[in-house]
Structure formats: structure tokens, C-alpha cells
Amino acid sequence: MIEGLYEVHLPVESIDISIPFYKKLGLELAWKDEDTAFFWIEKGKSWLGLWEGKQYKIPYHPSIRHIAFRTTYKN
């Protein structure tokens, strides 16, 4: 069973432009370095990772853009 969102990772052209945008959406910046930023979507449970680089130009591929869910699934 899906319990909620775990993480989302997106490539962006500019961390410096992207950070204010996601802050305006109400997300809290959790961590940042030169070309990466993480925001809490739900603090302690789910986050958004932004990765600056030319990958934002590449058509969708799961190794570059992905989403993961928290689940209760057990084998």
C-alpha cells in the first residue's frame, strides 16, 4: 500500500533561480551545496531534490528524474 511520497528528484538549469521558486511554494530548504538543493515536502518524511546541470535538457529518463513512494509492501 502506498503511504505517501518519499522523494522526487529533478534536474534544473539554475539552483539560484529554483530555490526562491520552491520557497514561494512553501517548501523548507533542508540542505544546499553549490549545485544541489533538498527541500522538505513533508518534514522528516518526503523531500524534493534539485540537481543543477545540463541534464535538464535531456528528455525524460528515470535515472535523471524520478519519484519514489513510501509503502507498507512486504514480501
N, C-alpha and C. Protein backbone atom coordinates (compact mmCIF):
# COMPACT_ATOMS: atom_id res chain seq x y z
N MET A 1 0.85 -1.17 0.00
CA MET A 1 0.00 0.00 0.00
C MET A 1 0.89 1.24 0.00
N ILE A 2 0.59 2.20 -0.84
CA ILE A 2 1.32 3.46 -0.86
C ILE A 2 0.87 4.30 0.34
N GLU A 3 1.84 4.72 1.14
CA GLU A 3 1.56 5.56 2.30
C GLU A 3 1.75 7.05 2.01
N GLY A 4 2.56 7.35 1.03
CA GLY A 4 2.82 8.75 0.71
C GLY A 4 4.04 8.89 -0.16
N LEU A 5 4.40 10.10 -0.41
CA LEU A 5 5.56 10.42 -1.23
C LEU A 5 6.82 10.28 -0.39
N TYR A 6 7.86 9.68 -0.96
CA TYR A 6 9.15 9.59 -0.29
C TYR A 6 10.11 10.65 -0.83
N GLU A 7 10.29 10.65 -2.17
CA GLU A 7 11.21 11.63 -2.74
C GLU A 7 10.90 11.88 -4.20
N VAL A 8 11.31 13.07 -4.64
CA VAL A 8 11.25 13.46 -6.04
C VAL A 8 12.60 14.11 -6.35
N HIS A 9 13.18 13.75 -7.49
CA HIS A 9 14.44 14.36 -7.91
C HIS A 9 14.28 14.93 -9.30
N LEU A 10 14.72 16.18 -9.47
CA LEU A 10 14.58 16.88 -10.73
C LEU A 10 15.87 17.60 -11.11
N PRO A 11 16.23 17.56 -12.39
CA PRO A 11 17.34 18.39 -12.84
C PRO A 11 16.83 19.81 -13.10
N VAL A 12 17.65 20.79 -12.78
CA VAL A 12 17.27 22.18 -13.02
C VAL A 12 18.42 22.92 -13.70
N GLU A 13 18.06 23.98 -14.40
CA GLU A 13 19.08 24.78 -15.08
C GLU A 13 19.89 25.60 -14.07
N SER A 14 19.20 26.13 -13.03
CA SER A 14 19.87 27.01 -12.07
C SER A 14 19.33 26.79 -10.66
N ILE A 15 20.20 26.40 -9.75
CA ILE A 15 19.81 26.26 -8.34
C ILE A 15 19.39 27.62 -7.78
N ASP A 16 20.14 28.68 -8.15
CA ASP A 16 19.87 30.02 -7.62
C ASP A 16 18.51 30.56 -8.04
N ILE A 17 18.02 30.16 -9.19
CA ILE A 17 16.68 30.56 -9.63
C ILE A 17 15.63 29.63 -9.03
N SER A 18 15.94 28.34 -8.93
CA SER A 18 14.97 27.34 -8.46
C SER A 18 14.65 27.46 -6.97
N ILE A 19 15.62 27.77 -6.15
CA ILE A 19 15.40 27.83 -4.70
C ILE A 19 14.30 28.84 -4.34
N PRO A 20 14.36 30.08 -4.81
CA PRO A 20 13.28 31.01 -4.46
C PRO A 20 11.91 30.54 -4.95
N PHE A 21 11.86 29.90 -6.12
CA PHE A 21 10.60 29.40 -6.66
C PHE A 21 9.97 28.39 -5.70
N TYR A 22 10.74 27.40 -5.25
CA TYR A 22 10.18 26.37 -4.37
C TYR A 22 9.90 26.91 -2.96
N LYS A 23 10.67 27.90 -2.51
CA LYS A 23 10.36 28.54 -1.23
C LYS A 23 9.02 29.25 -1.30
N LYS A 24 8.73 29.89 -2.45
CA LYS A 24 7.44 30.57 -2.61
C LYS A 24 6.28 29.59 -2.59
N LEU A 25 6.55 28.34 -2.94
CA LEU A 25 5.52 27.30 -2.88
C LEU A 25 5.34 26.76 -1.45
N GLY A 26 6.15 27.25 -0.51
CA GLY A 26 6.01 26.87 0.89
C GLY A 26 6.93 25.75 1.34
N LEU A 27 7.88 25.34 0.48
CA LEU A 27 8.80 24.28 0.89
C LEU A 27 9.96 24.85 1.69
N GLU A 28 10.42 24.07 2.67
CA GLU A 28 11.53 24.47 3.52
C GLU A 28 12.83 23.90 2.98
N LEU A 29 13.82 24.76 2.77
CA LEU A 29 15.14 24.31 2.31
C LEU A 29 15.79 23.51 3.43
N ALA A 30 16.17 22.27 3.14
CA ALA A 30 16.78 21.40 4.14
C ALA A 30 18.29 21.37 4.04
N TRP A 31 18.81 21.50 2.80
CA TRP A 31 20.25 21.39 2.58
C TRP A 31 20.59 21.93 1.21
N LYS A 32 21.77 22.55 1.08
CA LYS A 32 22.21 23.08 -0.21
C LYS A 32 23.72 23.06 -0.29
N ASP A 33 24.22 22.75 -1.50
CA ASP A 33 25.63 22.97 -1.79
C ASP A 33 25.70 23.73 -3.11
N GLU A 34 26.80 23.70 -3.77
CA GLU A 34 27.00 24.51 -4.98
C GLU A 34 25.99 24.21 -6.09
N ASP A 35 25.65 22.94 -6.30
CA ASP A 35 24.78 22.60 -7.43
C ASP A 35 23.63 21.65 -7.07
N THR A 36 23.34 21.53 -5.78
CA THR A 36 22.28 20.63 -5.32
C THR A 36 21.51 21.29 -4.18
N ALA A 37 20.21 21.06 -4.14
CA ALA A 37 19.40 21.56 -3.03
C ALA A 37 18.32 20.53 -2.70
N PHE A 38 18.04 20.38 -1.43
CA PHE A 38 16.97 19.49 -0.97
C PHE A 38 15.96 20.31 -0.16
N PHE A 39 14.69 20.11 -0.46
CA PHE A 39 13.60 20.75 0.25
C PHE A 39 12.75 19.69 0.92
N TRP A 40 12.26 20.00 2.09
CA TRP A 40 11.27 19.13 2.72
C TRP A 40 9.92 19.38 2.05
N ILE A 41 9.28 18.32 1.60
CA ILE A 41 7.89 18.40 1.17
C ILE A 41 7.02 18.20 2.40
N GLU A 42 7.33 17.14 3.14
CA GLU A 42 6.73 16.89 4.46
C GLU A 42 7.90 16.56 5.37
N LYS A 43 8.22 17.46 6.29
CA LYS A 43 9.44 17.36 7.09
C LYS A 43 9.60 15.99 7.74
N GLY A 44 10.75 15.39 7.51
CA GLY A 44 11.07 14.09 8.07
C GLY A 44 10.48 12.91 7.30
N LYS A 45 9.67 13.20 6.27
CA LYS A 45 9.01 12.12 5.54
C LYS A 45 9.27 12.14 4.04
N SER A 46 9.28 13.31 3.44
CA SER A 46 9.45 13.36 1.99
C SER A 46 10.20 14.62 1.58
N TRP A 47 10.96 14.50 0.49
CA TRP A 47 11.75 15.63 0.05
C TRP A 47 11.79 15.76 -1.47
N LEU A 48 12.22 16.94 -1.88
CA LEU A 48 12.44 17.26 -3.28
C LEU A 48 13.93 17.54 -3.43
N GLY A 49 14.58 16.84 -4.34
CA GLY A 49 15.99 17.08 -4.64
C GLY A 49 16.11 17.77 -5.98
N LEU A 50 16.85 18.86 -6.02
CA LEU A 50 17.10 19.60 -7.25
C LEU A 50 18.59 19.49 -7.58
N TRP A 51 18.89 19.17 -8.82
CA TRP A 51 20.26 18.94 -9.26
C TRP A 51 20.55 19.85 -10.45
N GLU A 52 21.45 20.81 -10.26
CA GLU A 52 21.77 21.74 -11.34
C GLU A 52 22.72 21.07 -12.34
N GLY A 53 22.44 21.27 -13.61
CA GLY A 53 23.31 20.74 -14.66
C GLY A 53 22.59 20.70 -15.99
N LYS A 54 23.29 20.30 -17.00
CA LYS A 54 22.72 20.26 -18.35
C LYS A 54 21.70 19.14 -18.54
N GLN A 55 21.55 18.25 -17.55
CA GLN A 55 20.59 17.15 -17.66
C GLN A 55 19.16 17.63 -17.80
N TYR A 56 18.88 18.87 -17.40
CA TYR A 56 17.50 19.38 -17.53
C TYR A 56 17.07 19.40 -19.00
N LYS A 57 18.03 19.39 -19.94
CA LYS A 57 17.72 19.40 -21.36
C LYS A 57 17.39 18.01 -21.91
N ILE A 58 17.76 16.96 -21.19
CA ILE A 58 17.57 15.59 -21.66
C ILE A 58 16.10 15.19 -21.52
N PRO A 59 15.53 14.55 -22.55
CA PRO A 59 14.17 14.04 -22.41
C PRO A 59 14.08 13.10 -21.21
N TYR A 60 12.86 12.86 -20.74
CA TYR A 60 12.67 12.06 -19.54
C TYR A 60 13.43 10.74 -19.56
N HIS A 61 14.09 10.46 -18.47
CA HIS A 61 14.70 9.16 -18.21
C HIS A 61 14.68 8.98 -16.70
N PRO A 62 14.29 7.79 -16.20
CA PRO A 62 14.13 7.61 -14.75
C PRO A 62 15.41 7.78 -13.94
N SER A 63 16.56 7.66 -14.57
CA SER A 63 17.79 7.86 -13.80
C SER A 63 18.07 9.34 -13.55
N ILE A 64 17.37 10.21 -14.28
CA ILE A 64 17.59 11.66 -14.13
C ILE A 64 16.44 12.31 -13.38
N ARG A 65 15.22 11.91 -13.69
CA ARG A 65 14.03 12.43 -13.00
C ARG A 65 13.29 11.23 -12.43
N HIS A 66 13.04 11.26 -11.15
CA HIS A 66 12.26 10.14 -10.62
C HIS A 66 11.46 10.55 -9.39
N ILE A 67 10.52 9.69 -9.08
CA ILE A 67 9.67 9.85 -7.91
C ILE A 67 9.63 8.50 -7.20
N ALA A 68 9.62 8.53 -5.89
CA ALA A 68 9.53 7.29 -5.10
C ALA A 68 8.48 7.47 -4.02
N PHE A 69 7.79 6.39 -3.71
CA PHE A 69 6.73 6.40 -2.71
C PHE A 69 7.14 5.65 -1.46
N ARG A 70 6.59 6.05 -0.31
CA ARG A 70 6.70 5.26 0.92
C ARG A 70 5.60 4.20 0.84
N THR A 71 5.94 2.97 1.16
CA THR A 71 4.97 1.90 1.07
C THR A 71 4.99 1.01 2.32
N THR A 72 3.96 0.19 2.45
CA THR A 72 3.92 -0.81 3.51
C THR A 72 4.12 -2.20 2.93
N TYR A 73 4.45 -2.28 1.64
CA TYR A 73 4.59 -3.55 0.96
C TYR A 73 5.71 -4.38 1.59
N LYS A 74 5.44 -5.68 1.82
CA LYS A 74 6.43 -6.61 2.34
C LYS A 74 6.33 -7.89 1.55
N ASN A 75 7.48 -8.48 1.23
CA ASN A 75 7.49 -9.77 0.53
C ASN A 75 7.00 -10.87 1.42
